[in-house]
Amino acid sequence: MKKQLLASLLALSFSSVTFAQDDVKPFTMEGELGIIATTGNTETSSISAGITAHQELQQWSNDYILEGLYKKETVDNDDGTEEEYTSAQKFYGSAQGNYKLDNPDYRLFGFASYEDDRLSNFDYQSTLAVGWNQKVLENKRHTLEYSIGPGYSFAETQEGEEQNSMIVRASSAYSWKISDTAKFTQTVSTEVGSDNTKSRAESALTATISGNLSMKVSFKLDHNSNVSDDVEKLDTETAVTLVYNFF
């Protein structure tokens, strides 16, 4: 099942073969990296990394996301011993292809995602969805679009219980170019199913440091409505990362 879901992500990545108009970059990609280390009574080391790419073609507008987070902690116990454990280990990948209709602001979308969070309630979660995408606003400062449509969710809990069901997926993405060197972005998505409702959100402020290098401050929310009693429904992540614009 996992191999089939990853194959779906790759299929979306190569769904388009024509180039966009000359005034629009056909492909942009940003990579980000954040590292934190602390010492003292609690020693921690964490690394977060990600790649975001956008492909703007004549008939397609595609988005790709890869994210990873790893965190290790060492705690001094009262008896003088040290205890080392992994407090976060997460991977997330998604791809969305938007096929433009006669009015390029109206599109049909296909979406696929896969998440492996070793310390959550689920061994893995994945989604396939199709539906309607519309670009509501686009000017020099602001862009806003949304997607909504049916899909299917694949999930397996840490206890090995499968939770597969039909869902309705809705998402939105907003960008505000505050100045030539700063921008604010907000993304929100929710997947409503009979077994679980999964929601994600990210608010981020990015400022250019020099050339293609920027600094990003972000706050992420990850919520599942149906989890075990000993697992929190809401995970949050606040990060400061360096971002490099490759293209």
C-alpha atoms as a PDB file:
ATOM      1  CA  MET A   1       0.000   0.000   0.000  1.00  0.00           C
ATOM      2  CA  LYS A   2       2.784   2.463   0.897  1.00  0.00           C
ATOM      3  CA  LYS A   3       4.515   1.870  -2.459  1.00  0.00           C
ATOM      4  CA  GLN A   4       1.266   2.571  -4.314  1.00  0.00           C
ATOM      5  CA  LEU A   5       0.764   5.853  -2.453  1.00  0.00           C
ATOM      6  CA  LEU A   6       4.312   7.032  -3.149  1.00  0.00           C
ATOM      7  CA  ALA A   7       3.846   6.110  -6.801  1.00  0.00           C
ATOM      8  CA  SER A   8       0.786   8.368  -6.917  1.00  0.00           C
ATOM      9  CA  LEU A   9       2.903  11.300  -5.729  1.00  0.00           C
ATOM     10  CA  LEU A  10       5.418  10.673  -8.499  1.00  0.00           C
ATOM     11  CA  ALA A  11       2.689  10.378 -11.105  1.00  0.00           C
ATOM     12  CA  LEU A  12       1.403  13.842 -10.262  1.00  0.00           C
ATOM     13  CA  SER A  13       4.934  15.246 -10.503  1.00  0.00           C
ATOM     14  CA  PHE A  14       5.230  14.296 -14.184  1.00  0.00           C
ATOM     15  CA  SER A  15       1.689  15.005 -15.345  1.00  0.00           C
ATOM     16  CA  SER A  16       2.642  18.071 -17.457  1.00  0.00           C
ATOM     17  CA  VAL A  17       4.979  18.549 -20.400  1.00  0.00           C
ATOM     18  CA  THR A  18       4.313  22.029 -21.873  1.00  0.00           C
ATOM     19  CA  PHE A  19       5.916  25.334 -20.831  1.00  0.00           C
ATOM     20  CA  ALA A  20       4.235  28.501 -19.651  1.00  0.00           C
ATOM     21  CA  GLN A  21       4.338  31.931 -21.142  1.00  0.00           C
ATOM     22  CA  ASP A  22       7.656  33.783 -21.122  1.00  0.00           C
ATOM     23  CA  ASP A  23       6.658  36.249 -18.377  1.00  0.00           C
ATOM     24  CA  VAL A  24       6.096  33.485 -15.816  1.00  0.00           C
ATOM     25  CA  LYS A  25       8.858  31.292 -14.424  1.00  0.00           C
ATOM     26  CA  PRO A  26       8.095  27.702 -15.413  1.00  0.00           C
ATOM     27  CA  PHE A  27       9.666  26.315 -12.249  1.00  0.00           C
ATOM     28  CA  THR A  28      10.622  27.712  -8.835  1.00  0.00           C
ATOM     29  CA  MET A  29      12.072  25.831  -5.864  1.00  0.00           C
ATOM     30  CA  GLU A  30      13.042  26.795  -2.318  1.00  0.00           C
ATOM     31  CA  GLY A  31      14.914  24.743   0.250  1.00  0.00           C
ATOM     32  CA  GLU A  32      14.909  25.479   3.984  1.00  0.00           C
ATOM     33  CA  LEU A  33      16.979  24.256   6.910  1.00  0.00           C
ATOM     34  CA  GLY A  34      16.828  24.872  10.641  1.00  0.00           C
ATOM     35  CA  ILE A  35      19.101  23.442  13.363  1.00  0.00           C
ATOM     36  CA  ILE A  36      18.764  23.948  17.135  1.00  0.00           C
ATOM     37  CA  ALA A  37      21.012  22.586  19.902  1.00  0.00           C
ATOM     38  CA  THR A  38      20.747  23.225  23.670  1.00  0.00           C
ATOM     39  CA  THR A  39      22.846  22.067  26.636  1.00  0.00           C
ATOM     40  CA  GLY A  40      22.293  21.981  30.404  1.00  0.00           C
ATOM     41  CA  ASN A  41      19.886  19.883  32.440  1.00  0.00           C
ATOM     42  CA  THR A  42      18.236  18.925  29.167  1.00  0.00           C
ATOM     43  CA  GLU A  43      20.318  18.515  26.031  1.00  0.00           C
ATOM     44  CA  THR A  44      18.396  18.737  22.780  1.00  0.00           C
ATOM     45  CA  SER A  45      19.280  18.710  19.124  1.00  0.00           C
ATOM     46  CA  SER A  46      16.762  19.150  16.347  1.00  0.00           C
ATOM     47  CA  ILE A  47      16.814  19.586  12.611  1.00  0.00           C
ATOM     48  CA  SER A  48      13.996  20.637  10.317  1.00  0.00           C
ATOM     49  CA  ALA A  49      14.284  20.697   6.537  1.00  0.00           C
ATOM     50  CA  GLY A  50      11.973  21.167   3.608  1.00  0.00           C
ATOM     51  CA  ILE A  51      11.650  21.741  -0.114  1.00  0.00           C
ATOM     52  CA  THR A  52       8.810  23.678  -1.739  1.00  0.00           C
ATOM     53  CA  ALA A  53       8.446  23.817  -5.515  1.00  0.00           C
ATOM     54  CA  HIS A  54       5.967  25.394  -7.929  1.00  0.00           C
ATOM     55  CA  GLN A  55       5.526  24.588 -11.613  1.00  0.00           C
ATOM     56  CA  GLU A  56       3.578  27.010 -13.829  1.00  0.00           C
ATOM     57  CA  LEU A  57       2.873  25.627 -17.286  1.00  0.00           C
ATOM     58  CA  GLN A  58       0.468  26.448 -20.104  1.00  0.00           C
ATOM     59  CA  GLN A  59      -2.175  23.932 -19.006  1.00  0.00           C
ATOM     60  CA  TRP A  60      -0.996  23.039 -15.491  1.00  0.00           C
ATOM     61  CA  SER A  61      -0.158  24.754 -12.208  1.00  0.00           C
ATOM     62  CA  ASN A  62       1.549  22.294  -9.848  1.00  0.00           C
ATOM     63  CA  ASP A  63       2.794  22.434  -6.252  1.00  0.00           C
ATOM     64  CA  TYR A  64       5.155  20.049  -4.431  1.00  0.00           C
ATOM     65  CA  ILE A  65       6.117  19.931  -0.740  1.00  0.00           C
ATOM     66  CA  LEU A  66       8.634  17.811   1.191  1.00  0.00           C
ATOM     67  CA  GLU A  67       9.134  18.319   4.944  1.00  0.00           C
ATOM     68  CA  GLY A  68      11.158  16.550   7.605  1.00  0.00           C
ATOM     69  CA  LEU A  69      11.647  17.003  11.356  1.00  0.00           C
ATOM     70  CA  TYR A  70      13.919  15.146  13.782  1.00  0.00           C
ATOM     71  CA  LYS A  71      14.492  15.948  17.456  1.00  0.00           C
ATOM     72  CA  LYS A  72      16.568  14.121  20.093  1.00  0.00           C
ATOM     73  CA  GLU A  73      16.688  14.890  23.822  1.00  0.00           C
ATOM     74  CA  THR A  74      19.002  13.830  26.658  1.00  0.00           C
ATOM     75  CA  VAL A  75      17.704  14.308  30.210  1.00  0.00           C
ATOM     76  CA  ASP A  76      19.611  14.014  33.507  1.00  0.00           C
ATOM     77  CA  ASN A  77      17.628  11.828  35.922  1.00  0.00           C
ATOM     78  CA  ASP A  78      17.551  12.328  39.692  1.00  0.00           C
ATOM     79  CA  ASP A  79      19.782   9.285  40.197  1.00  0.00           C
ATOM     80  CA  GLY A  80      22.547  10.824  38.062  1.00  0.00           C
ATOM     81  CA  THR A  81      21.942   8.722  34.968  1.00  0.00           C
ATOM     82  CA  GLU A  82      21.204  10.130  31.523  1.00  0.00           C
ATOM     83  CA  GLU A  83      18.196   9.138  29.434  1.00  0.00           C
ATOM     84  CA  GLU A  84      18.275   9.742  25.677  1.00  0.00           C
ATOM     85  CA  TYR A  85      15.154   9.537  23.530  1.00  0.00           C
ATOM     86  CA  THR A  86      13.756  10.739  20.225  1.00  0.00           C
ATOM     87  CA  SER A  87      10.970  13.262  20.773  1.00  0.00           C
ATOM     88  CA  ALA A  88      10.129  13.970  17.115  1.00  0.00           C
ATOM     89  CA  GLN A  89      10.617  12.062  13.857  1.00  0.00           C
ATOM     90  CA  LYS A  90       8.368  13.126  11.024  1.00  0.00           C
ATOM     91  CA  PHE A  91       8.252  13.114   7.212  1.00  0.00           C
ATOM     92  CA  TYR A  92       5.571  14.685   5.011  1.00  0.00           C
ATOM     93  CA  GLY A  93       5.274  14.896   1.233  1.00  0.00           C
ATOM     94  CA  SER A  94       2.505  16.172  -1.040  1.00  0.00           C
ATOM     95  CA  ALA A  95       1.863  17.047  -4.671  1.00  0.00           C
ATOM     96  CA  GLN A  96      -1.064  18.849  -6.272  1.00  0.00           C
ATOM     97  CA  GLY A  97      -1.627  19.239 -10.001  1.00  0.00           C
ATOM     98  CA  ASN A  98      -4.161  21.856 -11.184  1.00  0.00           C
ATOM     99  CA  TYR A  99      -5.413  21.477 -14.775  1.00  0.00           C
ATOM    100  CA  LYS A 100      -6.466  24.865 -16.212  1.00  0.00           C
ATOM    101  CA  LEU A 101      -9.785  25.199 -18.014  1.00  0.00           C
ATOM    102  CA  ASP A 102     -10.663  27.842 -20.656  1.00  0.00           C
ATOM    103  CA  ASN A 103     -10.559  30.412 -17.872  1.00  0.00           C
ATOM    104  CA  PRO A 104      -7.108  29.677 -16.345  1.00  0.00           C
ATOM    105  CA  ASP A 105      -8.345  30.765 -12.914  1.00  0.00           C
ATOM    106  CA  TYR A 106     -10.704  27.757 -12.947  1.00  0.00           C
ATOM    107  CA  ARG A 107      -8.964  24.383 -12.589  1.00  0.00           C
ATOM    108  CA  LEU A 108      -9.518  20.717 -11.858  1.00  0.00           C
ATOM    109  CA  PHE A 109      -7.080  19.368  -9.281  1.00  0.00           C
ATOM    110  CA  GLY A 110      -5.544  16.065  -8.257  1.00  0.00           C
ATOM    111  CA  PHE A 111      -3.853  15.772  -4.866  1.00  0.00           C
ATOM    112  CA  ALA A 112      -1.755  13.127  -3.129  1.00  0.00           C
ATOM    113  CA  SER A 113       0.027  13.174   0.240  1.00  0.00           C
ATOM    114  CA  TYR A 114       1.937  10.836   2.529  1.00  0.00           C
ATOM    115  CA  GLU A 115       2.909  11.393   6.185  1.00  0.00           C
ATOM    116  CA  ASP A 116       5.038   9.227   8.469  1.00  0.00           C
ATOM    117  CA  ASP A 117       5.094  10.511  12.057  1.00  0.00           C
ATOM    118  CA  ARG A 118       6.696   7.911  14.334  1.00  0.00           C
ATOM    119  CA  LEU A 119       5.516   9.553  17.567  1.00  0.00           C
ATOM    120  CA  SER A 120       1.932  10.318  16.583  1.00  0.00           C
ATOM    121  CA  ASN A 121      -1.151   8.127  16.858  1.00  0.00           C
ATOM    122  CA  PHE A 122      -0.591   6.883  13.292  1.00  0.00           C
ATOM    123  CA  ASP A 123       2.117   4.768  11.694  1.00  0.00           C
ATOM    124  CA  TYR A 124       1.279   6.556   8.443  1.00  0.00           C
ATOM    125  CA  GLN A 125      -1.456   8.690   6.888  1.00  0.00           C
ATOM    126  CA  SER A 126      -2.057   9.303   3.206  1.00  0.00           C
ATOM    127  CA  THR A 127      -4.639  11.006   1.024  1.00  0.00           C
ATOM    128  CA  LEU A 128      -5.770  10.941  -2.597  1.00  0.00           C
ATOM    129  CA  ALA A 129      -8.277  13.624  -3.688  1.00  0.00           C
ATOM    130  CA  VAL A 130      -9.679  15.291  -6.815  1.00  0.00           C
ATOM    131  CA  GLY A 131     -11.984  18.243  -7.334  1.00  0.00           C
ATOM    132  CA  TRP A 132     -12.282  21.956  -8.041  1.00  0.00           C
ATOM    133  CA  ASN A 133      -9.541  24.580  -7.664  1.00  0.00           C
ATOM    134  CA  GLN A 134     -10.018  28.293  -8.191  1.00  0.00           C
ATOM    135  CA  LYS A 135      -7.670  31.258  -8.078  1.00  0.00           C
ATOM    136  CA  VAL A 136      -9.787  33.916  -6.369  1.00  0.00           C
ATOM    137  CA  LEU A 137      -7.263  36.760  -6.219  1.00  0.00           C
ATOM    138  CA  GLU A 138      -4.015  37.575  -7.997  1.00  0.00           C
ATOM    139  CA  ASN A 139      -2.254  40.932  -8.225  1.00  0.00           C
ATOM    140  CA  LYS A 140       1.197  42.340  -7.488  1.00  0.00           C
ATOM    141  CA  ARG A 141       0.728  42.009  -3.713  1.00  0.00           C
ATOM    142  CA  HIS A 142      -1.819  39.294  -3.014  1.00  0.00           C
ATOM    143  CA  THR A 143      -2.749  35.822  -4.223  1.00  0.00           C
ATOM    144  CA  LEU A 144      -5.503  33.570  -2.908  1.00  0.00           C
ATOM    145  CA  GLU A 145      -6.783  30.213  -4.120  1.00  0.00           C
ATOM    146  CA  TYR A 146      -8.831  27.339  -2.744  1.00  0.00           C
ATOM    147  CA  SER A 147      -9.512  23.680  -3.524  1.00  0.00           C
ATOM    148  CA  ILE A 148     -12.373  21.403  -2.548  1.00  0.00           C
ATOM    149  CA  GLY A 149     -13.343  17.889  -3.561  1.00  0.00           C
ATOM    150  CA  PRO A 150     -13.848  14.248  -2.556  1.00  0.00           C
ATOM    151  CA  GLY A 151     -11.068  11.801  -1.865  1.00  0.00           C
ATOM    152  CA  TYR A 152      -9.945   8.741   0.024  1.00  0.00           C
ATOM    153  CA  SER A 153      -7.808   8.548   3.154  1.00  0.00           C
ATOM    154  CA  PHE A 154      -5.441   5.665   3.999  1.00  0.00           C
ATOM    155  CA  ALA A 155      -4.172   5.399   7.578  1.00  0.00           C
ATOM    156  CA  GLU A 156      -2.803   2.852  10.010  1.00  0.00           C
ATOM    157  CA  THR A 157      -2.472   3.383  13.753  1.00  0.00           C
ATOM    158  CA  GLN A 158       0.591   2.439  15.782  1.00  0.00           C
ATOM    159  CA  GLU A 159      -1.386  -0.622  16.972  1.00  0.00           C
ATOM    160  CA  GLY A 160      -1.816  -1.810  13.360  1.00  0.00           C
ATOM    161  CA  GLU A 161      -5.483  -0.834  12.968  1.00  0.00           C
ATOM    162  CA  GLU A 162      -6.357   0.397   9.466  1.00  0.00           C
ATOM    163  CA  GLN A 163      -8.573   3.488   9.179  1.00  0.00           C
ATOM    164  CA  ASN A 164      -9.410   3.881   5.488  1.00  0.00           C
ATOM    165  CA  SER A 165     -12.415   5.987   4.483  1.00  0.00           C
ATOM    166  CA  MET A 166     -13.925   8.417   2.014  1.00  0.00           C
ATOM    167  CA  ILE A 167     -13.219  12.062   2.821  1.00  0.00           C
ATOM    168  CA  VAL A 168     -13.940  15.598   1.692  1.00  0.00           C
ATOM    169  CA  ARG A 169     -10.788  17.690   1.351  1.00  0.00           C
ATOM    170  CA  ALA A 170     -10.715  21.497   1.426  1.00  0.00           C
ATOM    171  CA  SER A 171      -7.676  23.777   1.380  1.00  0.00           C
ATOM    172  CA  SER A 172      -6.670  27.381   0.792  1.00  0.00           C
ATOM    173  CA  ALA A 173      -3.391  29.200   0.174  1.00  0.00           C
ATOM    174  CA  TYR A 174      -2.813  32.941   0.650  1.00  0.00           C
ATOM    175  CA  SER A 175       0.302  35.012  -0.084  1.00  0.00           C
ATOM    176  CA  TRP A 176       0.947  38.683   0.696  1.00  0.00           C
ATOM    177  CA  LYS A 177       4.029  40.395  -0.720  1.00  0.00           C
ATOM    178  CA  ILE A 178       4.599  42.952   2.015  1.00  0.00           C
ATOM    179  CA  SER A 179       7.591  44.514   0.258  1.00  0.00           C
ATOM    180  CA  ASP A 180      10.286  43.595  -2.251  1.00  0.00           C
ATOM    181  CA  THR A 181      12.109  41.728   0.533  1.00  0.00           C
ATOM    182  CA  ALA A 182       9.327  40.333   2.748  1.00  0.00           C
ATOM    183  CA  LYS A 183       6.249  38.145   2.313  1.00  0.00           C
ATOM    184  CA  PHE A 184       3.590  36.502   4.466  1.00  0.00           C
ATOM    185  CA  THR A 185       1.986  33.156   3.587  1.00  0.00           C
ATOM    186  CA  GLN A 186      -0.911  31.241   5.103  1.00  0.00           C
ATOM    187  CA  THR A 187      -1.997  27.718   4.168  1.00  0.00           C
ATOM    188  CA  VAL A 188      -4.897  25.755   5.659  1.00  0.00           C
ATOM    189  CA  SER A 189      -6.250  22.293   4.819  1.00  0.00           C
ATOM    190  CA  THR A 190      -8.757  19.893   6.339  1.00  0.00           C
ATOM    191  CA  GLU A 191      -9.750  16.333   5.434  1.00  0.00           C
ATOM    192  CA  VAL A 192     -13.093  15.304   6.923  1.00  0.00           C
ATOM    193  CA  GLY A 193     -13.745  11.562   7.138  1.00  0.00           C
ATOM    194  CA  SER A 194     -15.885   9.139   9.108  1.00  0.00           C
ATOM    195  CA  ASP A 195     -12.949   7.870  11.219  1.00  0.00           C
ATOM    196  CA  ASN A 196     -10.888  11.018  11.606  1.00  0.00           C
ATOM    197  CA  THR A 197     -10.669  14.679  10.614  1.00  0.00           C
ATOM    198  CA  LYS A 198      -7.118  15.763   9.840  1.00  0.00           C
ATOM    199  CA  SER A 199      -6.222  19.457   9.620  1.00  0.00           C
ATOM    200  CA  ARG A 200      -2.994  21.299   8.877  1.00  0.00           C
ATOM    201  CA  ALA A 201      -2.119  25.005   8.914  1.00  0.00           C
ATOM    202  CA  GLU A 202       1.005  27.095   8.541  1.00  0.00           C
ATOM    203  CA  SER A 203       1.585  30.820   9.039  1.00  0.00           C
ATOM    204  CA  ALA A 204       4.980  32.063   7.844  1.00  0.00           C
ATOM    205  CA  LEU A 205       6.864  35.338   7.474  1.00  0.00           C
ATOM    206  CA  THR A 206       9.874  35.325   5.147  1.00  0.00           C
ATOM    207  CA  ALA A 207      12.431  38.144   4.788  1.00  0.00           C
ATOM    208  CA  THR A 208      15.347  38.339   2.367  1.00  0.00           C
ATOM    209  CA  ILE A 209      18.792  38.455   3.961  1.00  0.00           C
ATOM    210  CA  SER A 210      20.947  38.669   0.850  1.00  0.00           C
ATOM    211  CA  GLY A 211      20.460  37.574  -2.732  1.00  0.00           C
ATOM    212  CA  ASN A 212      18.712  34.182  -2.809  1.00  0.00           C
ATOM    213  CA  LEU A 213      19.039  33.650   0.970  1.00  0.00           C
ATOM    214  CA  SER A 214      16.134  34.433   3.312  1.00  0.00           C
ATOM    215  CA  MET A 215      15.065  33.874   6.908  1.00  0.00           C
ATOM    216  CA  LYS A 216      11.671  32.334   7.663  1.00  0.00           C
ATOM    217  CA  VAL A 217       9.675  32.341  10.898  1.00  0.00           C
ATOM    218  CA  SER A 218       6.809  29.855  10.836  1.00  0.00           C
ATOM    219  CA  PHE A 219       4.127  28.414  13.080  1.00  0.00           C
ATOM    220  CA  LYS A 220       2.496  25.076  12.143  1.00  0.00           C
ATOM    221  CA  LEU A 221      -0.562  23.278  13.469  1.00  0.00           C
ATOM    222  CA  ASP A 222      -1.305  19.579  12.905  1.00  0.00           C
ATOM    223  CA  HIS A 223      -4.582  18.262  14.333  1.00  0.00           C
ATOM    224  CA  ASN A 224      -6.277  14.833  14.333  1.00  0.00           C
ATOM    225  CA  SER A 225      -9.736  14.501  15.852  1.00  0.00           C
ATOM    226  CA  ASN A 226      -9.548  10.774  16.666  1.00  0.00           C
ATOM    227  CA  VAL A 227      -6.473   9.617  18.602  1.00  0.00           C
ATOM    228  CA  SER A 228      -5.665   7.359  21.562  1.00  0.00           C
ATOM    229  CA  ASP A 229      -6.229   8.683  25.088  1.00  0.00           C
ATOM    230  CA  ASP A 230      -2.482   9.040  25.710  1.00  0.00           C
ATOM    231  CA  VAL A 231      -1.836  11.044  22.503  1.00  0.00           C
ATOM    232  CA  GLU A 232      -2.437  14.771  22.059  1.00  0.00           C
ATOM    233  CA  LYS A 233      -4.818  15.735  19.269  1.00  0.00           C
ATOM    234  CA  LEU A 234      -2.903  18.916  18.414  1.00  0.00           C
ATOM    235  CA  ASP A 235       0.794  19.195  17.524  1.00  0.00           C
ATOM    236  CA  THR A 236       2.407  22.608  17.060  1.00  0.00           C
ATOM    237  CA  GLU A 237       5.780  23.602  15.674  1.00  0.00           C
ATOM    238  CA  THR A 238       7.466  27.014  15.800  1.00  0.00           C
ATOM    239  CA  ALA A 239      10.581  27.291  13.686  1.00  0.00           C
ATOM    240  CA  VAL A 240      13.173  29.768  12.460  1.00  0.00           C
ATOM    241  CA  THR A 241      14.854  28.501   9.298  1.00  0.00           C
ATOM    242  CA  LEU A 242      17.135  29.675   6.528  1.00  0.00           C
ATOM    243  CA  VAL A 243      15.599  29.510   3.040  1.00  0.00           C
ATOM    244  CA  TYR A 244      17.528  29.344  -0.216  1.00  0.00           C
ATOM    245  CA  ASN A 245      15.801  30.101  -3.520  1.00  0.00           C
ATOM    246  CA  PHE A 246      17.326  27.727  -6.097  1.00  0.00           C
ATOM    247  CA  PHE A 247      15.269  28.910  -9.076  1.00  0.00           C
END
